[in-house]
Amino acid sequence: MTWAVNSCFVTLAILFLWRVEEIAEACSCSPAHPQQAFCNSDVVIRARVVGGEEVDAGNDIYGNAIKRIKYDIKQIKMFKGPNQDIDAIYTAPTSAVCGVTLETNGKEYLIAGKLETDGRMHVTLCDFIESWETLTATQKKSLTQRYEMGCDCKITRCTSIPCTISSPAECLWLDWVIEKSVNGEQAKHFACIKRSDDSCAWYRGAAPPKKDFLDIEDP
């Protein structure tokens, strides 16, 4: 009987550790407004993906080989980044460790990511990566005219009512409570811009239907 109980505990312990490892390997990201993604990224480019392959990226501290997926790209425009063209981006090999899967048939993307110390651009599932054709006119315009103007502002995501801001330099992001989506009207059609008095407010670009959160609209 004792042996059976001990065996049961061992089995449960193994299952528990396996579950912990599985959870640890999962990729989890905090939703970000496109403006936040722009401001937090080292590099933001429009590019065409033309190829991809698995490559070695050195060894970890235990001597095990580190694999990465290298995507060859043709840079079309750089919105933010170093004074050099980016010809490849790197990502983890699986989505479990935040690896990104891109189409390699020449599809165009907006790609935001980090610049590593060796000059390579690295991207994860937590970065803002979207098909160029799915971006709204406001999002495309904001990449060159709006988002950077609001990088000193803080966008606070509201997850349930009531929610408030703690500073005039914040914009309240209400997409989740209004539309149950982080890709709602504010994400698609608004940018949070700093005013002359250092407060921040939402500005609308292209003309979607007006919402309750609208502060200022383009003339």
C-alpha atoms as a PDB file:
ATOM      1  CA  MET A   1       0.000   0.000   0.000  1.00  0.00           C
ATOM      2  CA  THR A   2       2.816   2.385   0.973  1.00  0.00           C
ATOM      3  CA  TRP A   3       4.618   1.580  -2.278  1.00  0.00           C
ATOM      4  CA  ALA A   4       1.469   2.356  -4.270  1.00  0.00           C
ATOM      5  CA  VAL A   5       1.022   5.726  -2.522  1.00  0.00           C
ATOM      6  CA  ASN A   6       4.665   6.650  -3.057  1.00  0.00           C
ATOM      7  CA  SER A   7       4.413   5.645  -6.712  1.00  0.00           C
ATOM      8  CA  CYS A   8       1.361   7.829  -7.092  1.00  0.00           C
ATOM      9  CA  PHE A   9       3.185  10.815  -5.577  1.00  0.00           C
ATOM     10  CA  VAL A  10       6.152  10.252  -7.894  1.00  0.00           C
ATOM     11  CA  THR A  11       3.855  10.155 -10.908  1.00  0.00           C
ATOM     12  CA  LEU A  12       2.090  13.338  -9.823  1.00  0.00           C
ATOM     13  CA  ALA A  13       5.431  15.042  -9.234  1.00  0.00           C
ATOM     14  CA  ILE A  14       6.619  14.109 -12.718  1.00  0.00           C
ATOM     15  CA  LEU A  15       3.398  15.378 -14.258  1.00  0.00           C
ATOM     16  CA  PHE A  16       3.649  18.584 -12.244  1.00  0.00           C
ATOM     17  CA  LEU A  17       7.241  19.239 -13.332  1.00  0.00           C
ATOM     18  CA  TRP A  18       6.343  18.463 -16.940  1.00  0.00           C
ATOM     19  CA  ARG A  19       3.472  20.936 -16.765  1.00  0.00           C
ATOM     20  CA  VAL A  20       5.704  23.620 -15.208  1.00  0.00           C
ATOM     21  CA  GLU A  21       8.259  23.112 -17.966  1.00  0.00           C
ATOM     22  CA  GLU A  22       5.530  23.287 -20.596  1.00  0.00           C
ATOM     23  CA  ILE A  23       4.232  26.555 -19.148  1.00  0.00           C
ATOM     24  CA  ALA A  24       7.746  27.974 -18.863  1.00  0.00           C
ATOM     25  CA  GLU A  25       8.323  27.299 -22.540  1.00  0.00           C
ATOM     26  CA  ALA A  26       5.113  29.022 -23.640  1.00  0.00           C
ATOM     27  CA  CYS A  27       5.339  32.503 -25.141  1.00  0.00           C
ATOM     28  CA  SER A  28       3.370  35.177 -23.336  1.00  0.00           C
ATOM     29  CA  CYS A  29       3.119  38.814 -24.433  1.00  0.00           C
ATOM     30  CA  SER A  30       1.458  41.878 -22.972  1.00  0.00           C
ATOM     31  CA  PRO A  31      -0.737  43.600 -25.588  1.00  0.00           C
ATOM     32  CA  ALA A  32       0.663  46.876 -26.894  1.00  0.00           C
ATOM     33  CA  HIS A  33      -0.851  49.677 -28.936  1.00  0.00           C
ATOM     34  CA  PRO A  34       0.979  50.053 -32.302  1.00  0.00           C
ATOM     35  CA  GLN A  35       2.397  53.366 -31.071  1.00  0.00           C
ATOM     36  CA  GLN A  36       3.857  51.663 -28.000  1.00  0.00           C
ATOM     37  CA  ALA A  37       5.356  48.973 -30.216  1.00  0.00           C
ATOM     38  CA  PHE A  38       6.924  51.645 -32.415  1.00  0.00           C
ATOM     39  CA  CYS A  39       8.357  53.594 -29.493  1.00  0.00           C
ATOM     40  CA  ASN A  40       9.718  50.495 -27.725  1.00  0.00           C
ATOM     41  CA  SER A  41      11.423  49.047 -30.826  1.00  0.00           C
ATOM     42  CA  ASP A  42      14.968  49.671 -31.995  1.00  0.00           C
ATOM     43  CA  VAL A  43      14.062  49.122 -35.638  1.00  0.00           C
ATOM     44  CA  VAL A  44      10.806  49.564 -37.574  1.00  0.00           C
ATOM     45  CA  ILE A  45      10.834  48.772 -41.289  1.00  0.00           C
ATOM     46  CA  ARG A  46       8.642  47.914 -44.226  1.00  0.00           C
ATOM     47  CA  ALA A  47      10.153  44.907 -45.964  1.00  0.00           C
ATOM     48  CA  ARG A  48       9.497  42.106 -48.397  1.00  0.00           C
ATOM     49  CA  VAL A  49      10.374  38.610 -47.124  1.00  0.00           C
ATOM     50  CA  VAL A  50      12.110  36.623 -49.867  1.00  0.00           C
ATOM     51  CA  GLY A  51      13.573  33.585 -48.098  1.00  0.00           C
ATOM     52  CA  GLY A  52      14.121  31.752 -44.845  1.00  0.00           C
ATOM     53  CA  GLU A  53      16.352  29.072 -43.334  1.00  0.00           C
ATOM     54  CA  GLU A  54      17.427  27.630 -40.001  1.00  0.00           C
ATOM     55  CA  VAL A  55      20.917  28.727 -38.960  1.00  0.00           C
ATOM     56  CA  ASP A  56      23.305  28.195 -36.054  1.00  0.00           C
ATOM     57  CA  ALA A  57      23.542  31.113 -33.649  1.00  0.00           C
ATOM     58  CA  GLY A  58      26.360  29.942 -31.380  1.00  0.00           C
ATOM     59  CA  ASN A  59      26.078  27.901 -28.182  1.00  0.00           C
ATOM     60  CA  ASP A  60      24.356  28.414 -24.865  1.00  0.00           C
ATOM     61  CA  ILE A  61      26.158  28.326 -21.510  1.00  0.00           C
ATOM     62  CA  TYR A  62      25.934  24.520 -21.514  1.00  0.00           C
ATOM     63  CA  GLY A  63      27.534  24.163 -24.923  1.00  0.00           C
ATOM     64  CA  ASN A  64      24.301  23.285 -26.717  1.00  0.00           C
ATOM     65  CA  ALA A  65      23.812  24.682 -30.205  1.00  0.00           C
ATOM     66  CA  ILE A  66      21.373  27.596 -30.479  1.00  0.00           C
ATOM     67  CA  LYS A  67      19.171  27.554 -33.554  1.00  0.00           C
ATOM     68  CA  ARG A  68      17.540  30.578 -35.163  1.00  0.00           C
ATOM     69  CA  ILE A  69      15.397  31.158 -38.203  1.00  0.00           C
ATOM     70  CA  LYS A  70      16.955  33.674 -40.555  1.00  0.00           C
ATOM     71  CA  TYR A  71      14.587  35.490 -42.913  1.00  0.00           C
ATOM     72  CA  ASP A  72      16.142  37.212 -45.906  1.00  0.00           C
ATOM     73  CA  ILE A  73      14.365  40.470 -46.623  1.00  0.00           C
ATOM     74  CA  LYS A  74      14.347  43.340 -49.083  1.00  0.00           C
ATOM     75  CA  GLN A  75      13.996  46.539 -47.122  1.00  0.00           C
ATOM     76  CA  ILE A  76      11.542  48.960 -48.701  1.00  0.00           C
ATOM     77  CA  LYS A  77      11.543  51.737 -46.106  1.00  0.00           C
ATOM     78  CA  MET A  78      13.026  52.301 -42.660  1.00  0.00           C
ATOM     79  CA  PHE A  79      10.833  54.259 -40.267  1.00  0.00           C
ATOM     80  CA  LYS A  80      13.136  53.894 -37.274  1.00  0.00           C
ATOM     81  CA  GLY A  81      16.576  52.386 -36.864  1.00  0.00           C
ATOM     82  CA  PRO A  82      20.279  52.561 -37.721  1.00  0.00           C
ATOM     83  CA  ASN A  83      21.696  54.329 -40.743  1.00  0.00           C
ATOM     84  CA  GLN A  84      22.002  51.106 -42.703  1.00  0.00           C
ATOM     85  CA  ASP A  85      19.786  48.732 -44.648  1.00  0.00           C
ATOM     86  CA  ILE A  86      18.543  45.598 -42.913  1.00  0.00           C
ATOM     87  CA  ASP A  87      18.860  42.551 -45.186  1.00  0.00           C
ATOM     88  CA  ALA A  88      17.886  39.811 -42.711  1.00  0.00           C
ATOM     89  CA  ILE A  89      15.936  39.322 -39.505  1.00  0.00           C
ATOM     90  CA  TYR A  90      16.344  36.554 -36.945  1.00  0.00           C
ATOM     91  CA  THR A  91      13.840  34.830 -34.707  1.00  0.00           C
ATOM     92  CA  ALA A  92      13.539  31.778 -32.447  1.00  0.00           C
ATOM     93  CA  PRO A  93      12.782  28.454 -34.179  1.00  0.00           C
ATOM     94  CA  THR A  94       9.342  27.837 -32.631  1.00  0.00           C
ATOM     95  CA  SER A  95       6.382  29.867 -31.414  1.00  0.00           C
ATOM     96  CA  ALA A  96       6.738  28.237 -27.976  1.00  0.00           C
ATOM     97  CA  VAL A  97       9.817  30.395 -27.461  1.00  0.00           C
ATOM     98  CA  CYS A  98       8.289  33.406 -29.230  1.00  0.00           C
ATOM     99  CA  GLY A  99       9.537  32.590 -32.719  1.00  0.00           C
ATOM    100  CA  VAL A 100       7.788  34.334 -35.618  1.00  0.00           C
ATOM    101  CA  THR A 101       6.620  32.563 -38.780  1.00  0.00           C
ATOM    102  CA  LEU A 102       6.586  34.703 -41.929  1.00  0.00           C
ATOM    103  CA  GLU A 103       5.595  33.973 -45.497  1.00  0.00           C
ATOM    104  CA  THR A 104       8.641  33.872 -47.762  1.00  0.00           C
ATOM    105  CA  ASN A 105       6.950  34.431 -51.106  1.00  0.00           C
ATOM    106  CA  GLY A 106       7.698  38.128 -51.311  1.00  0.00           C
ATOM    107  CA  LYS A 107       4.933  39.231 -48.964  1.00  0.00           C
ATOM    108  CA  GLU A 108       5.361  42.719 -47.513  1.00  0.00           C
ATOM    109  CA  TYR A 109       5.308  43.290 -43.767  1.00  0.00           C
ATOM    110  CA  LEU A 110       5.707  46.059 -41.276  1.00  0.00           C
ATOM    111  CA  ILE A 111       8.341  44.633 -38.941  1.00  0.00           C
ATOM    112  CA  ALA A 112       9.318  46.087 -35.564  1.00  0.00           C
ATOM    113  CA  GLY A 113      12.087  44.503 -33.515  1.00  0.00           C
ATOM    114  CA  LYS A 114      15.257  44.829 -31.480  1.00  0.00           C
ATOM    115  CA  LEU A 115      18.806  45.434 -32.640  1.00  0.00           C
ATOM    116  CA  GLU A 116      21.289  42.995 -31.106  1.00  0.00           C
ATOM    117  CA  THR A 117      24.841  43.941 -30.148  1.00  0.00           C
ATOM    118  CA  ASP A 118      26.183  42.323 -33.313  1.00  0.00           C
ATOM    119  CA  GLY A 119      23.966  44.540 -35.456  1.00  0.00           C
ATOM    120  CA  ARG A 120      21.415  41.851 -36.301  1.00  0.00           C
ATOM    121  CA  MET A 121      17.700  42.532 -36.084  1.00  0.00           C
ATOM    122  CA  HIS A 122      15.807  40.094 -33.860  1.00  0.00           C
ATOM    123  CA  VAL A 123      12.027  39.722 -33.696  1.00  0.00           C
ATOM    124  CA  THR A 124       9.596  37.819 -31.474  1.00  0.00           C
ATOM    125  CA  LEU A 125       5.860  37.204 -31.300  1.00  0.00           C
ATOM    126  CA  CYS A 126       5.706  40.086 -28.822  1.00  0.00           C
ATOM    127  CA  ASP A 127       6.889  42.562 -31.464  1.00  0.00           C
ATOM    128  CA  PHE A 128       4.522  44.398 -33.793  1.00  0.00           C
ATOM    129  CA  ILE A 129       4.659  42.499 -37.103  1.00  0.00           C
ATOM    130  CA  GLU A 130       1.772  42.933 -39.517  1.00  0.00           C
ATOM    131  CA  SER A 131       1.064  42.375 -43.173  1.00  0.00           C
ATOM    132  CA  TRP A 132       1.535  45.768 -44.817  1.00  0.00           C
ATOM    133  CA  GLU A 133      -1.737  45.513 -46.718  1.00  0.00           C
ATOM    134  CA  THR A 134      -3.760  45.061 -43.519  1.00  0.00           C
ATOM    135  CA  LEU A 135      -2.531  48.292 -41.918  1.00  0.00           C
ATOM    136  CA  THR A 136      -4.921  51.217 -41.906  1.00  0.00           C
ATOM    137  CA  ALA A 137      -4.143  54.525 -43.608  1.00  0.00           C
ATOM    138  CA  THR A 138      -3.691  56.112 -40.177  1.00  0.00           C
ATOM    139  CA  GLN A 139      -1.226  53.470 -39.039  1.00  0.00           C
ATOM    140  CA  LYS A 140       0.860  53.907 -42.191  1.00  0.00           C
ATOM    141  CA  LYS A 141       0.806  57.695 -41.865  1.00  0.00           C
ATOM    142  CA  SER A 142       1.619  57.571 -38.159  1.00  0.00           C
ATOM    143  CA  LEU A 143       4.820  55.629 -38.796  1.00  0.00           C
ATOM    144  CA  THR A 144       6.374  58.804 -40.210  1.00  0.00           C
ATOM    145  CA  GLN A 145       4.323  61.627 -38.705  1.00  0.00           C
ATOM    146  CA  ARG A 146       2.626  60.699 -35.463  1.00  0.00           C
ATOM    147  CA  TYR A 147       3.884  57.816 -33.355  1.00  0.00           C
ATOM    148  CA  GLU A 148       7.289  59.322 -32.627  1.00  0.00           C
ATOM    149  CA  MET A 149       5.660  62.570 -31.483  1.00  0.00           C
ATOM    150  CA  GLY A 150       3.946  60.620 -28.725  1.00  0.00           C
ATOM    151  CA  CYS A 151       6.804  58.488 -27.444  1.00  0.00           C
ATOM    152  CA  ASP A 152       6.946  60.585 -24.255  1.00  0.00           C
ATOM    153  CA  CYS A 153       3.287  59.798 -23.611  1.00  0.00           C
ATOM    154  CA  LYS A 154       2.103  56.720 -21.754  1.00  0.00           C
ATOM    155  CA  ILE A 155      -0.687  54.577 -23.196  1.00  0.00           C
ATOM    156  CA  THR A 156      -2.564  52.822 -20.401  1.00  0.00           C
ATOM    157  CA  ARG A 157      -4.653  49.803 -21.399  1.00  0.00           C
ATOM    158  CA  CYS A 158      -8.037  49.577 -19.724  1.00  0.00           C
ATOM    159  CA  THR A 159      -9.100  45.982 -19.078  1.00  0.00           C
ATOM    160  CA  SER A 160     -12.278  46.608 -17.072  1.00  0.00           C
ATOM    161  CA  ILE A 161     -14.487  49.518 -16.075  1.00  0.00           C
ATOM    162  CA  PRO A 162     -13.833  51.714 -14.167  1.00  0.00           C
ATOM    163  CA  CYS A 163     -10.288  52.606 -15.187  1.00  0.00           C
ATOM    164  CA  THR A 164      -8.428  55.876 -14.850  1.00  0.00           C
ATOM    165  CA  ILE A 165      -5.162  57.549 -15.709  1.00  0.00           C
ATOM    166  CA  SER A 166      -2.724  58.781 -13.080  1.00  0.00           C
ATOM    167  CA  SER A 167      -1.117  61.577 -15.095  1.00  0.00           C
ATOM    168  CA  PRO A 168      -2.116  64.126 -17.780  1.00  0.00           C
ATOM    169  CA  ALA A 169       0.661  62.595 -19.894  1.00  0.00           C
ATOM    170  CA  GLU A 170      -1.371  59.373 -20.354  1.00  0.00           C
ATOM    171  CA  CYS A 171      -3.914  58.234 -22.919  1.00  0.00           C
ATOM    172  CA  LEU A 172      -6.478  55.634 -21.877  1.00  0.00           C
ATOM    173  CA  TRP A 173      -6.630  52.727 -24.340  1.00  0.00           C
ATOM    174  CA  LEU A 174     -10.209  51.416 -24.306  1.00  0.00           C
ATOM    175  CA  ASP A 175     -10.303  48.964 -27.215  1.00  0.00           C
ATOM    176  CA  TRP A 176     -10.544  45.936 -24.964  1.00  0.00           C
ATOM    177  CA  VAL A 177     -13.507  47.127 -22.910  1.00  0.00           C
ATOM    178  CA  ILE A 178     -15.358  48.587 -25.918  1.00  0.00           C
ATOM    179  CA  GLU A 179     -14.658  45.968 -28.588  1.00  0.00           C
ATOM    180  CA  LYS A 180     -13.115  43.041 -26.667  1.00  0.00           C
ATOM    181  CA  SER A 181     -10.107  43.338 -28.961  1.00  0.00           C
ATOM    182  CA  VAL A 182      -6.677  44.988 -28.815  1.00  0.00           C
ATOM    183  CA  ASN A 183      -7.007  45.677 -32.540  1.00  0.00           C
ATOM    184  CA  GLY A 184      -9.922  48.073 -32.251  1.00  0.00           C
ATOM    185  CA  GLU A 185     -10.577  51.632 -33.369  1.00  0.00           C
ATOM    186  CA  GLN A 186      -7.952  53.253 -31.145  1.00  0.00           C
ATOM    187  CA  ALA A 187      -5.276  50.860 -32.337  1.00  0.00           C
ATOM    188  CA  LYS A 188      -6.266  51.271 -35.983  1.00  0.00           C
ATOM    189  CA  HIS A 189      -7.103  54.957 -36.229  1.00  0.00           C
ATOM    190  CA  PHE A 190      -5.617  56.911 -33.314  1.00  0.00           C
ATOM    191  CA  ALA A 191      -2.257  58.108 -32.003  1.00  0.00           C
ATOM    192  CA  CYS A 192      -1.527  59.492 -28.551  1.00  0.00           C
ATOM    193  CA  ILE A 193       0.220  62.838 -29.038  1.00  0.00           C
ATOM    194  CA  LYS A 194       1.801  65.268 -26.585  1.00  0.00           C
ATOM    195  CA  ARG A 195       0.211  68.722 -26.465  1.00  0.00           C
ATOM    196  CA  SER A 196       2.024  72.019 -25.967  1.00  0.00           C
ATOM    197  CA  ASP A 197       1.230  71.900 -22.224  1.00  0.00           C
ATOM    198  CA  ASP A 198       2.891  68.442 -21.965  1.00  0.00           C
ATOM    199  CA  SER A 199      -0.433  66.658 -21.521  1.00  0.00           C
ATOM    200  CA  CYS A 200      -1.319  63.865 -23.972  1.00  0.00           C
ATOM    201  CA  ALA A 201      -4.477  63.193 -25.969  1.00  0.00           C
ATOM    202  CA  TRP A 202      -5.762  60.895 -28.693  1.00  0.00           C
ATOM    203  CA  TYR A 203      -5.635  62.239 -32.240  1.00  0.00           C
ATOM    204  CA  ARG A 204      -7.605  60.670 -35.053  1.00  0.00           C
ATOM    205  CA  GLY A 205      -6.155  60.146 -38.496  1.00  0.00           C
ATOM    206  CA  ALA A 206      -8.373  58.622 -41.187  1.00  0.00           C
ATOM    207  CA  ALA A 207     -12.060  58.925 -40.543  1.00  0.00           C
ATOM    208  CA  PRO A 208     -13.665  55.985 -38.764  1.00  0.00           C
ATOM    209  CA  PRO A 209     -16.938  56.562 -36.892  1.00  0.00           C
ATOM    210  CA  LYS A 210     -16.449  58.837 -33.896  1.00  0.00           C
ATOM    211  CA  LYS A 211     -16.124  57.130 -30.532  1.00  0.00           C
ATOM    212  CA  ASP A 212     -16.600  58.251 -26.955  1.00  0.00           C
ATOM    213  CA  PHE A 213     -12.851  58.255 -26.375  1.00  0.00           C
ATOM    214  CA  LEU A 214     -12.234  60.839 -29.115  1.00  0.00           C
ATOM    215  CA  ASP A 215     -10.455  63.937 -27.796  1.00  0.00           C
ATOM    216  CA  ILE A 216      -9.205  65.745 -30.871  1.00  0.00           C
ATOM    217  CA  GLU A 217      -9.741  65.048 -34.534  1.00  0.00           C
ATOM    218  CA  ASP A 218      -7.870  66.080 -37.640  1.00  0.00           C
ATOM    219  CA  PRO A 219      -9.268  69.214 -39.276  1.00  0.00           C
END
